[in-house]
Amino acid sequence: QVQLVESGGGSVQTGGSLRLSCAASGYTFSQYLLGWFRQAPGKEREGVAAIDTDGSMSYADSVKGRFTISKDNAKNTLYLQMNSLKPEDTAMYYCAADTRFRIRMGWAPLQTSAYFYWGQGTQVTVSS
């Protein structure tokens, strides 16, 4: 059974940094597409960053140059380093995983429909 558990959220001031972690279990981590998504109150869940099995990465325009996605296959852990945080980054952050089945069906790495497995989320709050 695939399980994803996020951690590392918290409250920071504008310009601060946080590193989110997502511990995975129940599947072959290195063979899955992995992504970070976020959802602010009253808004739809949006893709933030993704990393594919070949190491290729995708970022939302709003976080390019500030966020970095990475993974450690030996530790089965996905990371999101977030720097220069802004109040508009405030949201619940979720990690997600998929076998790449949906990518092969045509979904893009930053689309929620590209993923079947989801964590419970970790809250990030950025104050001005």
C-alpha atoms as a PDB file:
ATOM      1  CA  GLN A   1       0.000   0.000   0.000  1.00  0.00           C
ATOM      2  CA  VAL A   2       1.435   3.333  -1.059  1.00  0.00           C
ATOM      3  CA  GLN A   3       1.791   5.865   1.756  1.00  0.00           C
ATOM      4  CA  LEU A   4       3.002   9.451   1.545  1.00  0.00           C
ATOM      5  CA  VAL A   5       3.635  11.508   4.673  1.00  0.00           C
ATOM      6  CA  GLU A   6       4.558  15.177   4.441  1.00  0.00           C
ATOM      7  CA  SER A   7       6.420  17.187   7.065  1.00  0.00           C
ATOM      8  CA  GLY A   8       8.322  20.440   7.425  1.00  0.00           C
ATOM      9  CA  GLY A   9       5.536  22.965   7.119  1.00  0.00           C
ATOM     10  CA  GLY A  10       5.249  25.914   9.458  1.00  0.00           C
ATOM     11  CA  SER A  11       4.957  29.659   9.767  1.00  0.00           C
ATOM     12  CA  VAL A  12       7.612  32.002   8.417  1.00  0.00           C
ATOM     13  CA  GLN A  13       7.921  35.647   7.501  1.00  0.00           C
ATOM     14  CA  THR A  14       8.215  36.984   3.979  1.00  0.00           C
ATOM     15  CA  GLY A  15      11.616  36.151   2.564  1.00  0.00           C
ATOM     16  CA  GLY A  16      12.078  33.135   4.789  1.00  0.00           C
ATOM     17  CA  SER A  17      12.754  29.527   3.842  1.00  0.00           C
ATOM     18  CA  LEU A  18      11.290  26.126   4.578  1.00  0.00           C
ATOM     19  CA  ARG A  19      12.113  22.616   3.425  1.00  0.00           C
ATOM     20  CA  LEU A  20       9.263  20.193   3.026  1.00  0.00           C
ATOM     21  CA  SER A  21       9.804  16.439   3.119  1.00  0.00           C
ATOM     22  CA  CYS A  22       7.618  13.601   1.912  1.00  0.00           C
ATOM     23  CA  ALA A  23       8.411  10.143   3.223  1.00  0.00           C
ATOM     24  CA  ALA A  24       7.178   7.401   0.927  1.00  0.00           C
ATOM     25  CA  SER A  25       6.575   3.720   1.471  1.00  0.00           C
ATOM     26  CA  GLY A  26       4.860   0.782  -0.152  1.00  0.00           C
ATOM     27  CA  TYR A  27       6.286   1.084  -3.653  1.00  0.00           C
ATOM     28  CA  THR A  28       9.487   1.377  -5.668  1.00  0.00           C
ATOM     29  CA  PHE A  29      10.157   5.049  -5.101  1.00  0.00           C
ATOM     30  CA  SER A  30      12.603   5.553  -7.951  1.00  0.00           C
ATOM     31  CA  GLN A  31      10.123   4.291 -10.550  1.00  0.00           C
ATOM     32  CA  TYR A  32       7.396   6.824  -9.770  1.00  0.00           C
ATOM     33  CA  LEU A  33       6.632  10.326 -10.981  1.00  0.00           C
ATOM     34  CA  LEU A  34       6.637  12.594  -7.914  1.00  0.00           C
ATOM     35  CA  GLY A  35       5.144  16.008  -7.402  1.00  0.00           C
ATOM     36  CA  TRP A  36       4.353  18.796  -4.973  1.00  0.00           C
ATOM     37  CA  PHE A  37       1.019  20.571  -5.085  1.00  0.00           C
ATOM     38  CA  ARG A  38      -0.602  23.271  -2.984  1.00  0.00           C
ATOM     39  CA  GLN A  39      -4.080  24.452  -2.217  1.00  0.00           C
ATOM     40  CA  ALA A  40      -5.006  27.768  -0.669  1.00  0.00           C
ATOM     41  CA  PRO A  41      -8.427  28.337   0.916  1.00  0.00           C
ATOM     42  CA  GLY A  42     -11.072  28.830  -1.743  1.00  0.00           C
ATOM     43  CA  LYS A  43      -8.722  27.945  -4.569  1.00  0.00           C
ATOM     44  CA  GLU A  44      -8.101  24.870  -6.666  1.00  0.00           C
ATOM     45  CA  ARG A  45      -5.162  22.603  -6.003  1.00  0.00           C
ATOM     46  CA  GLU A  46      -2.246  23.605  -8.232  1.00  0.00           C
ATOM     47  CA  GLY A  47       0.990  21.983  -9.270  1.00  0.00           C
ATOM     48  CA  VAL A  48       4.139  23.473  -7.795  1.00  0.00           C
ATOM     49  CA  ALA A  49       6.957  21.167  -8.889  1.00  0.00           C
ATOM     50  CA  ALA A  50       7.456  17.671 -10.221  1.00  0.00           C
ATOM     51  CA  ILE A  51      10.347  15.301 -10.770  1.00  0.00           C
ATOM     52  CA  ASP A  52      10.182  12.378 -13.131  1.00  0.00           C
ATOM     53  CA  THR A  53      11.953   9.041 -13.058  1.00  0.00           C
ATOM     54  CA  ASP A  54      14.702  10.334 -15.356  1.00  0.00           C
ATOM     55  CA  GLY A  55      15.340  13.301 -13.063  1.00  0.00           C
ATOM     56  CA  SER A  56      13.669  15.881 -15.292  1.00  0.00           C
ATOM     57  CA  MET A  57      11.929  18.607 -13.299  1.00  0.00           C
ATOM     58  CA  SER A  58       8.975  20.898 -13.883  1.00  0.00           C
ATOM     59  CA  TYR A  59       8.076  24.052 -11.985  1.00  0.00           C
ATOM     60  CA  ALA A  60       5.135  26.390 -11.889  1.00  0.00           C
ATOM     61  CA  ASP A  61       6.066  29.842 -13.176  1.00  0.00           C
ATOM     62  CA  SER A  62       5.160  31.353  -9.815  1.00  0.00           C
ATOM     63  CA  VAL A  63       7.904  29.415  -8.008  1.00  0.00           C
ATOM     64  CA  LYS A  64      10.682  29.207 -10.594  1.00  0.00           C
ATOM     65  CA  GLY A  65      13.967  30.394  -9.170  1.00  0.00           C
ATOM     66  CA  ARG A  66      12.669  30.169  -5.588  1.00  0.00           C
ATOM     67  CA  PHE A  67      11.676  26.511  -5.082  1.00  0.00           C
ATOM     68  CA  THR A  68      13.733  23.406  -5.762  1.00  0.00           C
ATOM     69  CA  ILE A  69      12.411  19.870  -5.919  1.00  0.00           C
ATOM     70  CA  SER A  70      14.715  16.957  -5.190  1.00  0.00           C
ATOM     71  CA  LYS A  71      14.555  13.349  -4.092  1.00  0.00           C
ATOM     72  CA  ASP A  72      16.688  10.796  -2.315  1.00  0.00           C
ATOM     73  CA  ASN A  73      15.920   7.357  -3.716  1.00  0.00           C
ATOM     74  CA  ALA A  74      17.922   5.647  -0.968  1.00  0.00           C
ATOM     75  CA  LYS A  75      15.781   7.303   1.710  1.00  0.00           C
ATOM     76  CA  ASN A  76      12.510   7.121  -0.253  1.00  0.00           C
ATOM     77  CA  THR A  77      12.048  10.814   0.431  1.00  0.00           C
ATOM     78  CA  LEU A  78      10.942  13.725  -1.727  1.00  0.00           C
ATOM     79  CA  TYR A  79      11.900  17.303  -0.823  1.00  0.00           C
ATOM     80  CA  LEU A  80      10.818  20.812  -1.674  1.00  0.00           C
ATOM     81  CA  GLN A  81      13.227  23.581  -0.728  1.00  0.00           C
ATOM     82  CA  MET A  82      11.332  26.855  -0.623  1.00  0.00           C
ATOM     83  CA  ASN A  83      13.259  30.117  -0.497  1.00  0.00           C
ATOM     84  CA  SER A  84      12.207  33.763  -0.712  1.00  0.00           C
ATOM     85  CA  LEU A  85       8.760  32.851   0.477  1.00  0.00           C
ATOM     86  CA  LYS A  86       5.881  35.230  -0.174  1.00  0.00           C
ATOM     87  CA  PRO A  87       2.460  35.559   1.469  1.00  0.00           C
ATOM     88  CA  GLU A  88       0.906  34.157  -1.707  1.00  0.00           C
ATOM     89  CA  ASP A  89       2.779  30.904  -1.075  1.00  0.00           C
ATOM     90  CA  THR A  90       0.549  30.303   1.933  1.00  0.00           C
ATOM     91  CA  ALA A  91      -1.303  27.023   1.374  1.00  0.00           C
ATOM     92  CA  MET A  92      -1.582  23.396   2.312  1.00  0.00           C
ATOM     93  CA  TYR A  93       1.185  21.555   0.492  1.00  0.00           C
ATOM     94  CA  TYR A  94       0.713  17.989  -0.714  1.00  0.00           C
ATOM     95  CA  CYS A  95       3.069  15.466  -2.207  1.00  0.00           C
ATOM     96  CA  ALA A  96       1.837  13.063  -4.847  1.00  0.00           C
ATOM     97  CA  ALA A  97       3.074   9.990  -6.685  1.00  0.00           C
ATOM     98  CA  ASP A  98       2.119   7.971  -9.709  1.00  0.00           C
ATOM     99  CA  THR A  99       3.400   5.071 -11.762  1.00  0.00           C
ATOM    100  CA  ARG A 100       3.526   7.326 -14.863  1.00  0.00           C
ATOM    101  CA  PHE A 101       0.445   5.612 -16.222  1.00  0.00           C
ATOM    102  CA  ARG A 102      -1.389   8.917 -16.412  1.00  0.00           C
ATOM    103  CA  ILE A 103       1.596  10.707 -17.944  1.00  0.00           C
ATOM    104  CA  ARG A 104       1.537   8.148 -20.725  1.00  0.00           C
ATOM    105  CA  MET A 105      -2.157   8.876 -21.149  1.00  0.00           C
ATOM    106  CA  GLY A 106      -1.329  12.535 -21.825  1.00  0.00           C
ATOM    107  CA  TRP A 107      -1.495  14.333 -18.478  1.00  0.00           C
ATOM    108  CA  ALA A 108       1.298  16.796 -17.683  1.00  0.00           C
ATOM    109  CA  PRO A 109       3.486  16.465 -14.556  1.00  0.00           C
ATOM    110  CA  LEU A 110       1.957  19.547 -12.891  1.00  0.00           C
ATOM    111  CA  GLN A 111      -1.636  18.474 -13.379  1.00  0.00           C
ATOM    112  CA  THR A 112      -3.439  16.883 -10.437  1.00  0.00           C
ATOM    113  CA  SER A 113      -4.925  14.278 -12.774  1.00  0.00           C
ATOM    114  CA  ALA A 114      -1.437  12.893 -13.419  1.00  0.00           C
ATOM    115  CA  TYR A 115      -1.321  11.452  -9.896  1.00  0.00           C
ATOM    116  CA  PHE A 116      -3.183   8.706  -8.092  1.00  0.00           C
ATOM    117  CA  TYR A 117      -1.490   8.703  -4.683  1.00  0.00           C
ATOM    118  CA  TRP A 118      -1.612  11.694  -2.333  1.00  0.00           C
ATOM    119  CA  GLY A 119      -0.375  12.604   1.111  1.00  0.00           C
ATOM    120  CA  GLN A 120      -2.410  14.360   3.799  1.00  0.00           C
ATOM    121  CA  GLY A 121      -0.635  17.682   3.447  1.00  0.00           C
ATOM    122  CA  THR A 122       1.439  20.071   5.535  1.00  0.00           C
ATOM    123  CA  GLN A 123       0.499  23.697   6.139  1.00  0.00           C
ATOM    124  CA  VAL A 124       2.768  26.557   5.077  1.00  0.00           C
ATOM    125  CA  THR A 125       1.938  30.054   6.265  1.00  0.00           C
ATOM    126  CA  VAL A 126       3.925  33.101   5.170  1.00  0.00           C
ATOM    127  CA  SER A 127       3.248  36.369   6.954  1.00  0.00           C
ATOM    128  CA  SER A 128       4.100  39.829   5.667  1.00  0.00           C
END
